[in-house]
Protein backbone atom coordinates (compact mmCIF):
# COMPACT_ATOMS: atom_id res chain seq x y z
CA UNK A 1 -43.08 -205.15 0.59
CA UNK A 2 -41.47 -204.12 -2.53
CA UNK A 3 -43.10 -200.89 -3.28
CA UNK A 4 -45.67 -198.37 -1.73
CA UNK A 5 -47.73 -196.11 -3.82
CA UNK A 6 -47.92 -192.59 -1.93
CA UNK A 7 -50.83 -190.05 -2.81
CA UNK A 8 -49.86 -186.53 -1.53
CA UNK A 9 -50.14 -182.73 -2.31
CA UNK A 10 -48.59 -181.27 -5.29
CA UNK A 11 -48.82 -178.15 -3.09
CA UNK A 12 -46.73 -177.89 0.26
CA UNK A 13 -49.59 -176.90 2.46
CA UNK A 14 -49.17 -174.22 5.28
CA UNK A 15 -47.48 -176.26 7.82
CA UNK A 16 -43.80 -177.28 7.68
CA UNK A 17 -44.81 -180.49 9.29
CA UNK A 18 -46.26 -181.86 6.17
CA UNK A 19 -43.06 -181.39 4.24
CA UNK A 20 -41.37 -182.95 7.32
CA UNK A 21 -43.28 -185.86 7.18
CA UNK A 22 -42.88 -186.42 3.50
CA UNK A 23 -39.04 -186.04 3.75
CA UNK A 24 -39.28 -188.65 6.63
CA UNK A 25 -41.30 -190.91 4.79
CA UNK A 26 -39.19 -190.86 1.53
CA UNK A 27 -36.06 -191.22 3.47
CA UNK A 28 -37.42 -194.24 5.56
CA UNK A 29 -38.73 -195.97 2.47
CA UNK A 30 -35.22 -195.83 0.81
CA UNK A 31 -33.60 -196.97 3.99
CA UNK A 32 -35.73 -200.02 4.25
CA UNK A 33 -35.26 -200.91 0.80
CA UNK A 34 -39.02 -200.08 -0.31
CA UNK A 35 -39.40 -198.51 -3.62
CA UNK A 36 -41.62 -195.51 -3.82
CA UNK A 37 -44.54 -194.97 -6.52
CA UNK A 38 -45.94 -191.59 -6.84
CA UNK A 39 -47.29 -189.08 -9.28
CA UNK A 40 -44.05 -188.00 -10.82
CA UNK A 41 -44.37 -184.22 -9.99
CA UNK A 42 -41.26 -182.00 -8.70
CA UNK A 43 -43.59 -179.59 -6.76
CA UNK A 44 -45.19 -179.50 -3.33
CA UNK A 45 -45.19 -182.56 -1.14
CA UNK A 46 -44.62 -184.67 -3.97
CA UNK A 47 -41.26 -183.37 -4.90
CA UNK A 48 -40.26 -183.33 -1.36
CA UNK A 49 -41.13 -187.01 -1.01
CA UNK A 50 -39.28 -187.95 -4.15
CA UNK A 51 -36.40 -185.92 -3.54
CA UNK A 52 -35.75 -187.47 0.02
CA UNK A 53 -36.04 -190.91 -1.36
CA UNK A 54 -33.57 -190.20 -4.04
CA UNK A 55 -31.15 -188.61 -1.71
CA UNK A 56 -31.48 -191.88 0.58
CA UNK A 57 -30.53 -193.86 -2.41
CA UNK A 58 -34.17 -195.05 -3.15
CA UNK A 59 -35.86 -196.47 -5.95
CA UNK A 60 -38.63 -193.94 -7.19
CA UNK A 61 -41.11 -194.46 -9.93
CA UNK A 62 -43.19 -191.46 -11.09
CA UNK A 63 -46.31 -191.83 -13.19
CA UNK A 64 -47.61 -188.75 -14.77
CA UNK A 65 -50.16 -188.04 -17.35
CA UNK A 66 -48.99 -186.19 -20.49
CA UNK A 67 -50.96 -183.14 -19.83
CA UNK A 68 -49.20 -182.56 -16.40
CA UNK A 69 -45.99 -183.35 -18.08
CA UNK A 70 -46.52 -180.77 -20.46
CA UNK A 71 -46.89 -178.08 -17.64
CA UNK A 72 -43.22 -178.65 -16.81
CA UNK A 73 -43.89 -179.98 -13.29
CA UNK A 74 -42.47 -183.56 -13.85
CA UNK A 75 -39.45 -184.41 -11.80
CA UNK A 76 -36.42 -184.57 -13.94
CA UNK A 77 -34.29 -186.61 -11.67
CA UNK A 78 -36.34 -189.71 -11.91
CA UNK A 79 -34.73 -192.72 -13.70
CA UNK A 80 -38.10 -194.25 -14.00
CA UNK A 81 -40.82 -191.52 -15.12
CA UNK A 82 -43.77 -193.29 -16.91
CA UNK A 83 -45.93 -191.14 -19.17
CA UNK A 84 -49.54 -192.21 -19.67
CA UNK A 85 -52.35 -190.61 -21.54
CA UNK A 86 -54.91 -189.87 -18.57
CA UNK A 87 -55.43 -189.85 -14.77
CA UNK A 88 -57.44 -193.07 -14.97
CA UNK A 89 -54.33 -194.73 -16.76
CA UNK A 90 -52.10 -193.22 -14.09
CA UNK A 91 -54.13 -194.61 -11.15
CA UNK A 92 -54.26 -197.98 -12.81
CA UNK A 93 -50.54 -198.16 -13.29
CA UNK A 94 -49.75 -197.06 -9.69
CA UNK A 95 -52.19 -199.60 -8.39
CA UNK A 96 -50.49 -202.39 -10.45
CA UNK A 97 -46.92 -201.37 -9.39
CA UNK A 98 -47.68 -201.03 -5.63
CA UNK A 99 -48.05 -203.35 -2.77
CA UNK A 100 -49.76 -200.68 -0.65
CA UNK A 101 -51.10 -197.44 -0.70
CA UNK A 102 -50.63 -194.46 1.58
CA UNK A 103 -52.04 -190.95 1.74
CA UNK A 104 -50.11 -187.81 3.07
CA UNK A 105 -51.83 -184.41 3.54
CA UNK A 106 -53.16 -183.35 0.16
CA UNK A 107 -56.45 -181.98 -1.61
CA UNK A 108 -59.06 -183.51 -3.69
CA UNK A 109 -56.80 -185.34 -6.19
CA UNK A 110 -55.29 -186.98 -3.22
CA UNK A 111 -58.57 -188.00 -1.46
CA UNK A 112 -59.93 -189.37 -4.78
CA UNK A 113 -56.71 -191.44 -5.48
CA UNK A 114 -57.14 -192.94 -1.80
CA UNK A 115 -60.86 -193.37 -2.01
CA UNK A 116 -60.55 -195.30 -5.34
CA UNK A 117 -58.04 -198.00 -4.26
CA UNK A 118 -60.03 -198.32 -0.84
CA UNK A 119 -63.26 -198.79 -2.70
CA UNK A 120 -61.27 -201.41 -4.81
CA UNK A 121 -60.16 -203.20 -1.36
CA UNK A 122 -64.02 -202.98 -0.14
CA UNK A 123 -65.26 -204.59 -3.33
CA UNK A 124 -62.42 -207.37 -3.10
CA UNK A 125 -60.47 -206.29 -6.26
CA UNK A 126 -57.42 -206.40 -4.26
CA UNK A 127 -56.06 -207.09 -0.77
CA UNK A 128 -53.58 -204.52 -0.30
CA UNK A 129 -53.56 -202.33 2.69
CA UNK A 130 -54.46 -198.51 2.37
CA UNK A 131 -53.70 -195.96 4.94
CA UNK A 132 -53.75 -192.51 5.98
CA UNK A 133 -50.44 -190.72 7.21
CA UNK A 134 -52.07 -188.58 9.65
CA UNK A 135 -49.76 -185.75 9.92
CA UNK A 136 -50.40 -183.27 12.75
CA UNK A 137 -53.96 -184.42 12.82
CA UNK A 138 -54.73 -183.50 9.29
CA UNK A 139 -57.02 -186.17 8.53
CA UNK A 140 -59.13 -186.26 11.94
CA UNK A 141 -62.15 -184.57 10.62
CA UNK A 142 -62.20 -186.86 7.53
CA UNK A 143 -61.90 -189.94 10.07
CA UNK A 144 -64.87 -188.49 12.05
CA UNK A 145 -66.94 -188.20 8.91
CA UNK A 146 -66.03 -191.80 8.03
CA UNK A 147 -67.22 -193.08 11.48
CA UNK A 148 -70.59 -191.10 10.73
CA UNK A 149 -70.72 -193.04 7.49
CA UNK A 150 -70.53 -196.22 9.43
CA UNK A 151 -73.06 -194.95 12.26
CA UNK A 152 -75.65 -194.17 9.46
CA UNK A 153 -75.24 -197.65 7.86
CA UNK A 154 -73.60 -196.77 4.68
CA UNK A 155 -70.38 -198.59 5.41
CA UNK A 156 -69.52 -201.64 7.78
CA UNK A 157 -67.25 -201.43 10.46
CA UNK A 158 -64.83 -204.08 8.88
CA UNK A 159 -64.81 -201.97 5.81
CA UNK A 160 -63.90 -198.90 7.54
CA UNK A 161 -61.16 -200.76 9.32
CA UNK A 162 -59.66 -201.38 6.24
CA UNK A 163 -58.26 -197.90 6.13
CA UNK A 164 -55.17 -197.90 8.58
CA UNK A 165 -54.13 -194.75 10.30
CA UNK A 166 -50.85 -193.83 11.78
CA UNK A 167 -49.09 -190.56 12.65
CA UNK A 168 -45.50 -191.55 12.26
CA UNK A 169 -43.58 -193.23 9.42
CA UNK A 170 -42.30 -196.22 11.25
CA UNK A 171 -45.65 -196.70 12.95
CA UNK A 172 -47.19 -196.46 9.45
CA UNK A 173 -44.85 -199.05 7.82
CA UNK A 174 -45.21 -201.54 10.63
CA UNK A 175 -49.23 -201.40 10.17
CA UNK A 176 -48.77 -201.81 6.52
CA UNK A 177 -46.58 -204.89 6.94
CA UNK A 178 -48.91 -206.63 9.45
CA UNK A 179 -52.14 -205.80 7.42
CA UNK A 180 -54.23 -208.97 6.67
CA UNK A 181 -57.26 -208.02 4.38
CA UNK A 182 -60.69 -208.99 6.28
CA UNK A 183 -63.26 -210.47 4.15
CA UNK A 184 -66.29 -208.51 4.95
CA UNK A 185 -69.56 -208.37 3.09
CA UNK A 186 -69.98 -204.94 1.59
CA UNK A 187 -73.85 -204.66 1.44
CA UNK A 188 -75.54 -203.98 4.68
CA UNK A 189 -79.06 -205.68 4.91
CA UNK A 190 -82.13 -203.95 6.13
CA UNK A 191 -82.26 -203.28 9.80
CA UNK A 192 -78.73 -204.82 10.00
CA UNK A 193 -76.28 -202.90 12.08
């Protein structure tokens, strides 16, 4: 695994656990020689993650849309900051550069990015692992809702299992490394469970 794309908040959130997890993950990636691909900002959890990876000697690639760059939130310490025209271009380039995807705590942008790459995996567009770094149970309710989606017949269990979950950086990286994409039909037939 050469590079991992991390989706996470441009705000820090209210719990110190979130920032600590971002710092730990950034440091761990750098120490294991895994490059970081992320949204290119210097603020919130995004900035903490990038700063930690850089401080540990890691390779960090930021991908930022011009509109956000112009708001002066771009990380000025990146040797590799790629400027794109739109959020769509950002996600496409991040997906192209990465071998895996991880979501730390964040808002709707984080969820949207994760759900898009997970959808692509479900449709067979890629076989890269997608994971939640479930810091301090941040994603517990979301995972409960995803299980509800399965129980109501809108997703197969095998597609749900494509989303890996871990609550520490070492366990997370181990799960990403051992991932093998399942080959599961997306559509559920009438009366099928």
